[in-house]
Amino acid sequence: MFESYSLIMFSRKIISFATAIGLYVLLTNGLSSCQSKGSATAETTTNSVAVPSGNSSTAEKSADKSATVPSVTAPDPSSIPASKIADAATILARPQVPVLCYHQIRDWRASDSKSAKDYIIPVAAFREQMKMLADSGYHTILPDQLYAYLATGAPLPPKPIMLTFDDGDLDQYTVAAPELEKHGFKGAFFIMTVAIGRHGKQPYMDKAQIKDLSDRGHAIGAHTWDHHNVKKYQGDDWKIQLEEPKAKLETIIGKPIHYFAYPFGLWNKQALPELQKRGYVAAFTLADKRDDSMPLYTVRRIIAGGQWKATTMYRNMIQSFD
């Protein structure tokens, strides 16, 4: 996904005609994949799992969930003094909160490959997953809450979960966000800034839509400029991929950007202090092991597989974050 963009990184002021055409093709055809090899998303199964009961399964009561969500307010992460942040061992010892990662939420096309279907979740399947979480009593949290919990032990609502969305696809705005809000849920949207406002076979959110999500209480984070693999950064890449997207998104939403999601979920130890010194307080990987010295910059997620039933997603989520 967007790895070919490295061809244009050597010059951002002068882009050849051929490179511009290549960029257009990549953007209009959508992203080919956004998962690391360690992310278990290819499993398709019909095995059932017992989903916790005790909440009404009716759509009407599920839609009223927002009225019963406990109010847990997290402080601005920049206001938490360094002396209050726990050491790495303490952070790693805290029970992990389930964090799900989504990409495109749309029905499959005939041209979609089997591997593409692992991260493209059909609309009905996404709705089924959100209803299952709501009916099972889960409460969504945002990155500020997760950070405060990991860093200071701040309380969380019962059965917390975080729902994240990578890249900035338009269907996240038109399909995912309304479905979340129907259940009183909020999400964290990690935006790849090169694609803002792009149209074509796979359209992306524009500035107004990104700001609208923020104004409606969802979180906005950075996902690099052009999805360049963090493990390959050198020289100006840190500025182009980390600093500039952060500044651009802050201008769009009028709020600080504190959180980052790694393309493909890939990271290395060199990246962690680079993120820290540029004002990010936490970063999100995929299914890999957390770093033993800077765990806040390697928070785990799993991709909610597009070919999973809701019961399969629930089982895999519980097993991964148990």
C-alpha atoms as a PDB file:
ATOM      1  CA  MET A   1       0.000   0.000   0.000  1.00  0.00           C
ATOM      2  CA  PHE A   2       1.483   3.209  -1.225  1.00  0.00           C
ATOM      3  CA  GLU A   3       4.990   1.758  -0.955  1.00  0.00           C
ATOM      4  CA  SER A   4       5.544   2.917  -4.530  1.00  0.00           C
ATOM      5  CA  TYR A   5       5.257   6.461  -3.253  1.00  0.00           C
ATOM      6  CA  SER A   6       8.865   6.195  -2.174  1.00  0.00           C
ATOM      7  CA  LEU A   7       9.624   6.953  -5.845  1.00  0.00           C
ATOM      8  CA  ILE A   8       8.428  10.510  -5.344  1.00  0.00           C
ATOM      9  CA  MET A   9       9.922  11.161  -1.923  1.00  0.00           C
ATOM     10  CA  PHE A  10      13.254  12.393  -3.293  1.00  0.00           C
ATOM     11  CA  SER A  11      11.551  15.546  -4.517  1.00  0.00           C
ATOM     12  CA  ARG A  12       8.346  17.090  -3.271  1.00  0.00           C
ATOM     13  CA  LYS A  13       8.634  20.306  -5.209  1.00  0.00           C
ATOM     14  CA  ILE A  14       9.250  18.862  -8.676  1.00  0.00           C
ATOM     15  CA  ILE A  15       7.207  15.765  -9.560  1.00  0.00           C
ATOM     16  CA  SER A  16       7.661  14.306 -12.997  1.00  0.00           C
ATOM     17  CA  PHE A  17       4.686  13.689 -15.251  1.00  0.00           C
ATOM     18  CA  ALA A  18       5.202   9.931 -15.033  1.00  0.00           C
ATOM     19  CA  THR A  19       5.303   9.966 -11.252  1.00  0.00           C
ATOM     20  CA  ALA A  20       2.192  12.115 -11.046  1.00  0.00           C
ATOM     21  CA  ILE A  21       0.350   9.613 -13.253  1.00  0.00           C
ATOM     22  CA  GLY A  22       1.498   6.773 -10.976  1.00  0.00           C
ATOM     23  CA  LEU A  23       0.261   8.624  -7.898  1.00  0.00           C
ATOM     24  CA  TYR A  24      -3.113   9.209  -9.532  1.00  0.00           C
ATOM     25  CA  VAL A  25      -3.511   5.516 -10.380  1.00  0.00           C
ATOM     26  CA  LEU A  26      -2.693   4.448  -6.838  1.00  0.00           C
ATOM     27  CA  LEU A  27      -5.116   6.894  -5.279  1.00  0.00           C
ATOM     28  CA  THR A  28      -7.989   6.206  -7.635  1.00  0.00           C
ATOM     29  CA  ASN A  29      -7.711   2.444  -7.279  1.00  0.00           C
ATOM     30  CA  GLY A  30      -7.594   2.486  -3.485  1.00  0.00           C
ATOM     31  CA  LEU A  31      -5.142   0.857  -1.118  1.00  0.00           C
ATOM     32  CA  SER A  32      -4.025  -2.690  -1.827  1.00  0.00           C
ATOM     33  CA  SER A  33      -3.350  -3.614   1.798  1.00  0.00           C
ATOM     34  CA  CYS A  34      -2.698  -2.005   5.154  1.00  0.00           C
ATOM     35  CA  GLN A  35      -1.776  -4.925   7.340  1.00  0.00           C
ATOM     36  CA  SER A  36       1.516  -6.246   8.592  1.00  0.00           C
ATOM     37  CA  LYS A  37       2.428  -9.851   8.082  1.00  0.00           C
ATOM     38  CA  GLY A  38       1.893 -10.407  11.765  1.00  0.00           C
ATOM     39  CA  SER A  39      -1.749  -9.322  11.673  1.00  0.00           C
ATOM     40  CA  ALA A  40      -4.171 -12.232  11.715  1.00  0.00           C
ATOM     41  CA  THR A  41      -6.933 -11.102   9.388  1.00  0.00           C
ATOM     42  CA  ALA A  42      -7.150 -13.813   6.775  1.00  0.00           C
ATOM     43  CA  GLU A  43      -9.037 -16.359   8.868  1.00  0.00           C
ATOM     44  CA  THR A  44     -12.565 -17.171   7.703  1.00  0.00           C
ATOM     45  CA  THR A  45     -14.604 -19.283  10.057  1.00  0.00           C
ATOM     46  CA  THR A  46     -18.151 -20.140  10.967  1.00  0.00           C
ATOM     47  CA  ASN A  47     -17.340 -21.253  14.488  1.00  0.00           C
ATOM     48  CA  SER A  48     -19.555 -19.576  17.025  1.00  0.00           C
ATOM     49  CA  VAL A  49     -18.591 -18.062  20.313  1.00  0.00           C
ATOM     50  CA  ALA A  50     -20.724 -17.230  23.302  1.00  0.00           C
ATOM     51  CA  VAL A  51     -21.306 -13.490  23.259  1.00  0.00           C
ATOM     52  CA  PRO A  52     -22.010 -11.957  26.684  1.00  0.00           C
ATOM     53  CA  SER A  53     -25.674 -11.429  27.303  1.00  0.00           C
ATOM     54  CA  GLY A  54     -27.541  -9.113  29.603  1.00  0.00           C
ATOM     55  CA  ASN A  55     -28.207  -6.293  27.139  1.00  0.00           C
ATOM     56  CA  SER A  56     -31.181  -6.099  24.843  1.00  0.00           C
ATOM     57  CA  SER A  57     -30.521  -7.299  21.307  1.00  0.00           C
ATOM     58  CA  THR A  58     -33.210  -5.125  19.804  1.00  0.00           C
ATOM     59  CA  ALA A  59     -32.136  -2.376  17.455  1.00  0.00           C
ATOM     60  CA  GLU A  60     -34.273   0.153  19.311  1.00  0.00           C
ATOM     61  CA  LYS A  61     -32.590  -0.383  22.682  1.00  0.00           C
ATOM     62  CA  SER A  62     -29.173  -0.636  21.086  1.00  0.00           C
ATOM     63  CA  ALA A  63     -29.733   2.748  19.469  1.00  0.00           C
ATOM     64  CA  ASP A  64     -30.506   4.221  22.897  1.00  0.00           C
ATOM     65  CA  LYS A  65     -27.171   3.058  24.310  1.00  0.00           C
ATOM     66  CA  SER A  66     -25.738   6.570  24.211  1.00  0.00           C
ATOM     67  CA  ALA A  67     -28.031   7.527  27.081  1.00  0.00           C
ATOM     68  CA  THR A  68     -26.431   4.973  29.426  1.00  0.00           C
ATOM     69  CA  VAL A  69     -22.722   5.301  28.580  1.00  0.00           C
ATOM     70  CA  PRO A  70     -20.769   6.286  31.709  1.00  0.00           C
ATOM     71  CA  SER A  71     -19.105   9.663  31.467  1.00  0.00           C
ATOM     72  CA  VAL A  72     -15.333   9.326  31.792  1.00  0.00           C
ATOM     73  CA  THR A  73     -13.425  12.480  30.881  1.00  0.00           C
ATOM     74  CA  ALA A  74      -9.731  12.207  30.087  1.00  0.00           C
ATOM     75  CA  PRO A  75      -7.326  15.107  30.564  1.00  0.00           C
ATOM     76  CA  ASP A  76      -5.411  16.610  27.679  1.00  0.00           C
ATOM     77  CA  PRO A  77      -2.332  14.348  27.470  1.00  0.00           C
ATOM     78  CA  SER A  78      -0.014  17.351  27.316  1.00  0.00           C
ATOM     79  CA  SER A  79      -1.286  18.404  30.745  1.00  0.00           C
ATOM     80  CA  ILE A  80      -0.097  15.206  32.435  1.00  0.00           C
ATOM     81  CA  PRO A  81       3.332  15.879  33.947  1.00  0.00           C
ATOM     82  CA  ALA A  82       6.140  13.467  33.163  1.00  0.00           C
ATOM     83  CA  SER A  83       6.424  12.632  36.875  1.00  0.00           C
ATOM     84  CA  LYS A  84       2.918  11.164  36.781  1.00  0.00           C
ATOM     85  CA  ILE A  85       3.568   8.817  33.860  1.00  0.00           C
ATOM     86  CA  ALA A  86       4.199   5.240  34.929  1.00  0.00           C
ATOM     87  CA  ASP A  87       7.334   3.330  34.024  1.00  0.00           C
ATOM     88  CA  ALA A  88       7.341   0.862  31.155  1.00  0.00           C
ATOM     89  CA  ALA A  89       6.932  -2.206  33.370  1.00  0.00           C
ATOM     90  CA  THR A  90       3.826  -0.754  35.028  1.00  0.00           C
ATOM     91  CA  ILE A  91       2.293   0.200  31.684  1.00  0.00           C
ATOM     92  CA  LEU A  92       2.949  -3.266  30.249  1.00  0.00           C
ATOM     93  CA  ALA A  93       1.402  -4.885  33.330  1.00  0.00           C
ATOM     94  CA  ARG A  94      -1.931  -3.106  32.916  1.00  0.00           C
ATOM     95  CA  PRO A  95      -4.635  -5.233  31.243  1.00  0.00           C
ATOM     96  CA  GLN A  96      -4.773  -4.450  27.539  1.00  0.00           C
ATOM     97  CA  VAL A  97      -7.846  -2.719  26.165  1.00  0.00           C
ATOM     98  CA  PRO A  98      -9.177  -4.248  22.909  1.00  0.00           C
ATOM     99  CA  VAL A  99      -8.402  -1.983  19.969  1.00  0.00           C
ATOM    100  CA  LEU A 100      -9.891  -2.830  16.562  1.00  0.00           C
ATOM    101  CA  CYS A 101      -8.604  -1.483  13.254  1.00  0.00           C
ATOM    102  CA  TYR A 102     -10.773  -0.913  10.186  1.00  0.00           C
ATOM    103  CA  HIS A 103     -10.026   0.328   6.682  1.00  0.00           C
ATOM    104  CA  GLN A 104     -12.595   0.358   3.894  1.00  0.00           C
ATOM    105  CA  ILE A 105     -16.219  -0.208   4.856  1.00  0.00           C
ATOM    106  CA  ARG A 106     -17.950  -1.083   1.614  1.00  0.00           C
ATOM    107  CA  ASP A 107     -19.382  -4.054  -0.208  1.00  0.00           C
ATOM    108  CA  TRP A 108     -16.908  -6.193  -2.103  1.00  0.00           C
ATOM    109  CA  ARG A 109     -16.399  -5.642  -5.814  1.00  0.00           C
ATOM    110  CA  ALA A 110     -15.859  -8.383  -8.355  1.00  0.00           C
ATOM    111  CA  SER A 111     -12.323  -7.066  -8.835  1.00  0.00           C
ATOM    112  CA  ASP A 112     -11.417  -7.382  -5.121  1.00  0.00           C
ATOM    113  CA  SER A 113      -8.855 -10.110  -4.467  1.00  0.00           C
ATOM    114  CA  LYS A 114      -9.179 -12.602  -1.650  1.00  0.00           C
ATOM    115  CA  SER A 115      -6.454 -10.810   0.306  1.00  0.00           C
ATOM    116  CA  ALA A 116      -8.175  -7.444  -0.238  1.00  0.00           C
ATOM    117  CA  LYS A 117     -11.356  -8.846   1.272  1.00  0.00           C
ATOM    118  CA  ASP A 118      -9.487  -9.402   4.525  1.00  0.00           C
ATOM    119  CA  TYR A 119      -9.475  -5.661   5.191  1.00  0.00           C
ATOM    120  CA  ILE A 120     -12.518  -4.488   3.203  1.00  0.00           C
ATOM    121  CA  ILE A 121     -15.497  -5.114   5.450  1.00  0.00           C
ATOM    122  CA  PRO A 122     -18.951  -5.234   3.830  1.00  0.00           C
ATOM    123  CA  VAL A 123     -21.443  -2.726   5.179  1.00  0.00           C
ATOM    124  CA  ALA A 124     -23.813  -5.357   6.608  1.00  0.00           C
ATOM    125  CA  ALA A 125     -20.915  -7.123   8.353  1.00  0.00           C
ATOM    126  CA  PHE A 126     -19.713  -3.861   9.900  1.00  0.00           C
ATOM    127  CA  ARG A 127     -23.195  -3.101  11.165  1.00  0.00           C
ATOM    128  CA  GLU A 128     -23.438  -6.594  12.617  1.00  0.00           C
ATOM    129  CA  GLN A 129     -20.130  -6.135  14.447  1.00  0.00           C
ATOM    130  CA  MET A 130     -21.147  -2.767  15.899  1.00  0.00           C
ATOM    131  CA  LYS A 131     -24.509  -4.138  17.047  1.00  0.00           C
ATOM    132  CA  MET A 132     -22.808  -7.130  18.648  1.00  0.00           C
ATOM    133  CA  LEU A 133     -20.460  -4.844  20.586  1.00  0.00           C
ATOM    134  CA  ALA A 134     -23.339  -2.622  21.689  1.00  0.00           C
ATOM    135  CA  ASP A 135     -25.538  -5.536  22.701  1.00  0.00           C
ATOM    136  CA  SER A 136     -22.596  -7.053  24.607  1.00  0.00           C
ATOM    137  CA  GLY A 137     -22.228  -3.953  26.759  1.00  0.00           C
ATOM    138  CA  TYR A 138     -19.032  -2.461  25.329  1.00  0.00           C
ATOM    139  CA  HIS A 139     -18.280   1.237  25.685  1.00  0.00           C
ATOM    140  CA  THR A 140     -15.968   2.929  23.201  1.00  0.00           C
ATOM    141  CA  ILE A 141     -13.100   5.032  24.462  1.00  0.00           C
ATOM    142  CA  LEU A 142     -10.893   7.503  22.622  1.00  0.00           C
ATOM    143  CA  PRO A 143      -7.083   7.747  22.555  1.00  0.00           C
ATOM    144  CA  ASP A 144      -6.955  10.361  25.315  1.00  0.00           C
ATOM    145  CA  GLN A 145      -8.760   7.945  27.658  1.00  0.00           C
ATOM    146  CA  LEU A 146      -6.558   5.024  26.697  1.00  0.00           C
ATOM    147  CA  TYR A 147      -3.428   7.119  27.159  1.00  0.00           C
ATOM    148  CA  ALA A 148      -4.534   8.346  30.596  1.00  0.00           C
ATOM    149  CA  TYR A 149      -5.308   4.769  31.626  1.00  0.00           C
ATOM    150  CA  LEU A 150      -1.983   3.349  30.436  1.00  0.00           C
ATOM    151  CA  ALA A 151       0.128   6.263  31.636  1.00  0.00           C
ATOM    152  CA  THR A 152      -1.519   7.008  34.986  1.00  0.00           C
ATOM    153  CA  GLY A 153      -3.993   4.227  35.735  1.00  0.00           C
ATOM    154  CA  ALA A 154      -6.994   6.535  35.198  1.00  0.00           C
ATOM    155  CA  PRO A 155     -10.355   4.727  35.316  1.00  0.00           C
ATOM    156  CA  LEU A 156     -12.180   3.521  32.220  1.00  0.00           C
ATOM    157  CA  PRO A 157     -15.849   2.732  31.651  1.00  0.00           C
ATOM    158  CA  PRO A 158     -16.978  -0.892  31.945  1.00  0.00           C
ATOM    159  CA  LYS A 159     -15.949  -3.139  29.045  1.00  0.00           C
ATOM    160  CA  PRO A 160     -13.900  -0.503  27.199  1.00  0.00           C
ATOM    161  CA  ILE A 161     -12.980  -0.881  23.542  1.00  0.00           C
ATOM    162  CA  MET A 162     -11.375   1.435  21.002  1.00  0.00           C
ATOM    163  CA  LEU A 163     -12.430   1.497  17.350  1.00  0.00           C
ATOM    164  CA  THR A 164      -9.845   2.887  14.928  1.00  0.00           C
ATOM    165  CA  PHE A 165      -9.996   3.628  11.204  1.00  0.00           C
ATOM    166  CA  ASP A 166      -6.911   4.024   9.010  1.00  0.00           C
ATOM    167  CA  ASP A 167      -6.225   6.018   5.831  1.00  0.00           C
ATOM    168  CA  GLY A 168      -9.217   8.409   5.698  1.00  0.00           C
ATOM    169  CA  ASP A 169     -11.460   6.582   3.211  1.00  0.00           C
ATOM    170  CA  LEU A 170     -14.707   8.411   2.478  1.00  0.00           C
ATOM    171  CA  ASP A 171     -16.827   5.424   3.504  1.00  0.00           C
ATOM    172  CA  GLN A 172     -15.512   5.831   7.039  1.00  0.00           C
ATOM    173  CA  TYR A 173     -17.337   9.169   7.101  1.00  0.00           C
ATOM    174  CA  THR A 174     -20.484   8.210   5.188  1.00  0.00           C
ATOM    175  CA  VAL A 175     -21.000   4.678   6.545  1.00  0.00           C
ATOM    176  CA  ALA A 176     -18.897   3.985   9.638  1.00  0.00           C
ATOM    177  CA  ALA A 177     -19.379   7.200  11.628  1.00  0.00           C
ATOM    178  CA  PRO A 178     -23.211   7.212  11.419  1.00  0.00           C
ATOM    179  CA  GLU A 179     -23.281   3.552  12.440  1.00  0.00           C
ATOM    180  CA  LEU A 180     -21.023   4.250  15.410  1.00  0.00           C
ATOM    181  CA  GLU A 181     -23.171   7.162  16.515  1.00  0.00           C
ATOM    182  CA  LYS A 182     -26.334   5.053  16.314  1.00  0.00           C
ATOM    183  CA  HIS A 183     -24.906   3.039  19.214  1.00  0.00           C
ATOM    184  CA  GLY A 184     -23.421   5.984  21.102  1.00  0.00           C
ATOM    185  CA  PHE A 185     -19.934   4.983  19.934  1.00  0.00           C
ATOM    186  CA  LYS A 186     -16.987   7.192  18.993  1.00  0.00           C
ATOM    187  CA  GLY A 187     -13.995   6.292  16.831  1.00  0.00           C
ATOM    188  CA  ALA A 188     -10.412   7.359  16.161  1.00  0.00           C
ATOM    189  CA  PHE A 189      -9.636   8.172  12.529  1.00  0.00           C
ATOM    190  CA  PHE A 190      -5.997   8.130  11.394  1.00  0.00           C
ATOM    191  CA  ILE A 191      -5.607  10.217   8.248  1.00  0.00           C
ATOM    192  CA  MET A 192      -3.080   9.815   5.441  1.00  0.00           C
ATOM    193  CA  THR A 193      -2.741  13.429   4.379  1.00  0.00           C
ATOM    194  CA  VAL A 194      -1.640  12.943   0.760  1.00  0.00           C
ATOM    195  CA  ALA A 195      -5.102  11.555  -0.037  1.00  0.00           C
ATOM    196  CA  ILE A 196      -7.261  14.225   1.609  1.00  0.00           C
ATOM    197  CA  GLY A 197     -10.036  15.168  -0.807  1.00  0.00           C
ATOM    198  CA  ARG A 198      -8.952  12.701  -3.505  1.00  0.00           C
ATOM    199  CA  HIS A 199     -11.665  11.138  -5.664  1.00  0.00           C
ATOM    200  CA  GLY A 200     -11.787   8.148  -7.961  1.00  0.00           C
ATOM    201  CA  LYS A 201     -12.473   4.464  -7.539  1.00  0.00           C
ATOM    202  CA  GLN A 202     -11.610   4.827  -3.837  1.00  0.00           C
ATOM    203  CA  PRO A 203     -12.458   8.338  -2.626  1.00  0.00           C
ATOM    204  CA  TYR A 204     -11.137   9.897   0.572  1.00  0.00           C
ATOM    205  CA  MET A 205     -12.479  12.384   3.088  1.00  0.00           C
ATOM    206  CA  ASP A 206     -11.948  16.077   2.454  1.00  0.00           C
ATOM    207  CA  LYS A 207     -10.957  18.715   5.012  1.00  0.00           C
ATOM    208  CA  ALA A 208     -14.528  19.660   5.904  1.00  0.00           C
ATOM    209  CA  GLN A 209     -15.469  16.048   6.594  1.00  0.00           C
ATOM    210  CA  ILE A 210     -12.389  15.468   8.751  1.00  0.00           C
ATOM    211  CA  LYS A 211     -13.204  18.566  10.782  1.00  0.00           C
ATOM    212  CA  ASP A 212     -16.829  17.507  11.066  1.00  0.00           C
ATOM    213  CA  LEU A 213     -15.808  14.166  12.562  1.00  0.00           C
ATOM    214  CA  SER A 214     -13.666  15.993  15.095  1.00  0.00           C
ATOM    215  CA  ASP A 215     -16.458  18.435  15.914  1.00  0.00           C
ATOM    216  CA  ARG A 216     -18.823  15.482  16.492  1.00  0.00           C
ATOM    217  CA  GLY A 217     -16.522  14.100  19.176  1.00  0.00           C
ATOM    218  CA  HIS A 218     -14.468  11.585  17.233  1.00  0.00           C
ATOM    219  CA  ALA A 219     -10.678  11.616  17.464  1.00  0.00           C
ATOM    220  CA  ILE A 220      -8.346  12.467  14.587  1.00  0.00           C
ATOM    221  CA  GLY A 221      -4.796  11.134  14.378  1.00  0.00           C
ATOM    222  CA  ALA A 222      -1.957  11.049  11.857  1.00  0.00           C
ATOM    223  CA  HIS A 223      -1.154   8.165   9.493  1.00  0.00           C
ATOM    224  CA  THR A 224       1.830   9.706   7.639  1.00  0.00           C
ATOM    225  CA  TRP A 225       1.800  11.722   4.428  1.00  0.00           C
ATOM    226  CA  ASP A 226       1.754   8.922   1.857  1.00  0.00           C
ATOM    227  CA  HIS A 227       1.772   5.655   3.834  1.00  0.00           C
ATOM    228  CA  HIS A 228       5.534   5.284   3.576  1.00  0.00           C
ATOM    229  CA  ASN A 229       6.915   2.391   5.659  1.00  0.00           C
ATOM    230  CA  VAL A 230       8.281   3.859   8.913  1.00  0.00           C
ATOM    231  CA  LYS A 231      11.067   1.269   9.033  1.00  0.00           C
ATOM    232  CA  LYS A 232      12.570   2.838   5.886  1.00  0.00           C
ATOM    233  CA  TYR A 233      12.673   6.462   7.070  1.00  0.00           C
ATOM    234  CA  GLN A 234      15.851   8.482   6.793  1.00  0.00           C
ATOM    235  CA  GLY A 235      16.781  12.129   6.390  1.00  0.00           C
ATOM    236  CA  ASP A 236      13.800  14.363   5.661  1.00  0.00           C
ATOM    237  CA  ASP A 237      11.322  11.474   5.909  1.00  0.00           C
ATOM    238  CA  TRP A 238      10.781  12.217   9.597  1.00  0.00           C
ATOM    239  CA  LYS A 239       9.731  15.764   8.797  1.00  0.00           C
ATOM    240  CA  ILE A 240       7.657  14.842   5.730  1.00  0.00           C
ATOM    241  CA  GLN A 241       5.883  11.852   7.238  1.00  0.00           C
ATOM    242  CA  LEU A 242       5.548  12.824  10.915  1.00  0.00           C
ATOM    243  CA  GLU A 243       5.793  16.601  11.361  1.00  0.00           C
ATOM    244  CA  GLU A 244       3.986  17.934   8.322  1.00  0.00           C
ATOM    245  CA  PRO A 245       0.921  15.652   8.526  1.00  0.00           C
ATOM    246  CA  LYS A 246       0.554  16.511  12.215  1.00  0.00           C
ATOM    247  CA  ALA A 247       0.685  20.240  11.468  1.00  0.00           C
ATOM    248  CA  LYS A 248      -1.740  19.949   8.560  1.00  0.00           C
ATOM    249  CA  LEU A 249      -4.318  18.008  10.559  1.00  0.00           C
ATOM    250  CA  GLU A 250      -4.020  20.442  13.468  1.00  0.00           C
ATOM    251  CA  THR A 251      -4.791  23.286  11.065  1.00  0.00           C
ATOM    252  CA  ILE A 252      -7.818  21.408   9.717  1.00  0.00           C
ATOM    253  CA  ILE A 253      -9.445  20.496  13.028  1.00  0.00           C
ATOM    254  CA  GLY A 254      -8.124  23.326  15.209  1.00  0.00           C
ATOM    255  CA  LYS A 255      -6.947  20.895  17.885  1.00  0.00           C
ATOM    256  CA  PRO A 256      -3.629  19.233  18.775  1.00  0.00           C
ATOM    257  CA  ILE A 257      -2.801  15.910  17.167  1.00  0.00           C
ATOM    258  CA  HIS A 258      -1.285  13.587  19.758  1.00  0.00           C
ATOM    259  CA  TYR A 259      -1.594  10.117  18.183  1.00  0.00           C
ATOM    260  CA  PHE A 260      -0.090   8.222  15.267  1.00  0.00           C
ATOM    261  CA  ALA A 261      -0.814   4.920  13.513  1.00  0.00           C
ATOM    262  CA  TYR A 262       1.993   3.085  11.721  1.00  0.00           C
ATOM    263  CA  PRO A 263       1.406   2.152   8.064  1.00  0.00           C
ATOM    264  CA  PHE A 264       1.157  -1.633   7.775  1.00  0.00           C
ATOM    265  CA  GLY A 265       1.585  -1.685  11.560  1.00  0.00           C
ATOM    266  CA  LEU A 266       5.356  -1.674  10.992  1.00  0.00           C
ATOM    267  CA  TRP A 267       7.767   0.122  13.325  1.00  0.00           C
ATOM    268  CA  ASN A 268      11.307  -0.015  14.670  1.00  0.00           C
ATOM    269  CA  LYS A 269      12.998   1.280  17.806  1.00  0.00           C
ATOM    270  CA  GLN A 270      14.489   4.221  15.907  1.00  0.00           C
ATOM    271  CA  ALA A 271      10.998   5.589  15.220  1.00  0.00           C
ATOM    272  CA  LEU A 272       9.810   5.713  18.828  1.00  0.00           C
ATOM    273  CA  PRO A 273      11.919   8.663  20.081  1.00  0.00           C
ATOM    274  CA  GLU A 274      11.354  10.427  16.746  1.00  0.00           C
ATOM    275  CA  LEU A 275       7.611  10.333  17.376  1.00  0.00           C
ATOM    276  CA  GLN A 276       8.057  11.420  20.973  1.00  0.00           C
ATOM    277  CA  LYS A 277      10.148  14.491  20.195  1.00  0.00           C
ATOM    278  CA  ARG A 278       7.626  15.589  17.561  1.00  0.00           C
ATOM    279  CA  GLY A 279       4.792  15.806  20.067  1.00  0.00           C
ATOM    280  CA  TYR A 280       3.094  12.454  19.718  1.00  0.00           C
ATOM    281  CA  VAL A 281       2.312  10.819  23.069  1.00  0.00           C
ATOM    282  CA  ALA A 282       1.297   7.386  21.771  1.00  0.00           C
ATOM    283  CA  ALA A 283       1.323   5.360  18.565  1.00  0.00           C
ATOM    284  CA  PHE A 284      -0.577   2.318  17.334  1.00  0.00           C
ATOM    285  CA  THR A 285       0.801  -0.805  15.695  1.00  0.00           C
ATOM    286  CA  LEU A 286      -1.081  -3.948  14.695  1.00  0.00           C
ATOM    287  CA  ALA A 287      -0.659  -7.400  16.210  1.00  0.00           C
ATOM    288  CA  ASP A 288       3.062  -7.234  17.040  1.00  0.00           C
ATOM    289  CA  LYS A 289       4.569  -7.431  20.504  1.00  0.00           C
ATOM    290  CA  ARG A 290       4.852  -4.128  22.373  1.00  0.00           C
ATOM    291  CA  ASP A 291       8.214  -2.449  22.923  1.00  0.00           C
ATOM    292  CA  ASP A 292       9.584  -3.181  26.381  1.00  0.00           C
ATOM    293  CA  SER A 293      10.974   0.319  26.956  1.00  0.00           C
ATOM    294  CA  MET A 294       8.466   2.631  25.195  1.00  0.00           C
ATOM    295  CA  PRO A 295       5.176   0.702  25.219  1.00  0.00           C
ATOM    296  CA  LEU A 296       3.035   3.810  24.751  1.00  0.00           C
ATOM    297  CA  TYR A 297       4.418   4.044  21.205  1.00  0.00           C
ATOM    298  CA  THR A 298       3.558   0.441  20.361  1.00  0.00           C
ATOM    299  CA  VAL A 299      -0.060   0.067  21.436  1.00  0.00           C
ATOM    300  CA  ARG A 300      -1.473  -3.081  19.875  1.00  0.00           C
ATOM    301  CA  ARG A 301      -4.484  -3.342  17.575  1.00  0.00           C
ATOM    302  CA  ILE A 302      -5.969  -6.134  15.486  1.00  0.00           C
ATOM    303  CA  ILE A 303      -7.604  -5.728  12.094  1.00  0.00           C
ATOM    304  CA  ALA A 304     -11.269  -6.709  12.144  1.00  0.00           C
ATOM    305  CA  GLY A 305     -11.155  -9.101   9.216  1.00  0.00           C
ATOM    306  CA  GLY A 306     -13.559  -8.411   6.395  1.00  0.00           C
ATOM    307  CA  GLN A 307     -14.340 -12.116   6.037  1.00  0.00           C
ATOM    308  CA  TRP A 308     -15.049 -12.645   9.734  1.00  0.00           C
ATOM    309  CA  LYS A 309     -18.484 -13.177  11.183  1.00  0.00           C
ATOM    310  CA  ALA A 310     -19.241 -11.000  14.188  1.00  0.00           C
ATOM    311  CA  THR A 311     -18.820 -14.015  16.474  1.00  0.00           C
ATOM    312  CA  THR A 312     -15.412 -14.743  14.945  1.00  0.00           C
ATOM    313  CA  MET A 313     -14.344 -11.142  15.454  1.00  0.00           C
ATOM    314  CA  TYR A 314     -15.454 -11.305  19.078  1.00  0.00           C
ATOM    315  CA  ARG A 315     -13.561 -14.543  19.725  1.00  0.00           C
ATOM    316  CA  ASN A 316     -10.368 -13.289  18.089  1.00  0.00           C
ATOM    317  CA  MET A 317     -10.599  -9.993  19.939  1.00  0.00           C
ATOM    318  CA  ILE A 318     -10.947 -11.697  23.309  1.00  0.00           C
ATOM    319  CA  GLN A 319      -8.101 -14.110  22.599  1.00  0.00           C
ATOM    320  CA  SER A 320      -5.768 -11.376  21.355  1.00  0.00           C
ATOM    321  CA  PHE A 321      -6.285  -9.001  24.270  1.00  0.00           C
ATOM    322  CA  ASP A 322      -6.843 -11.508  27.067  1.00  0.00           C
END
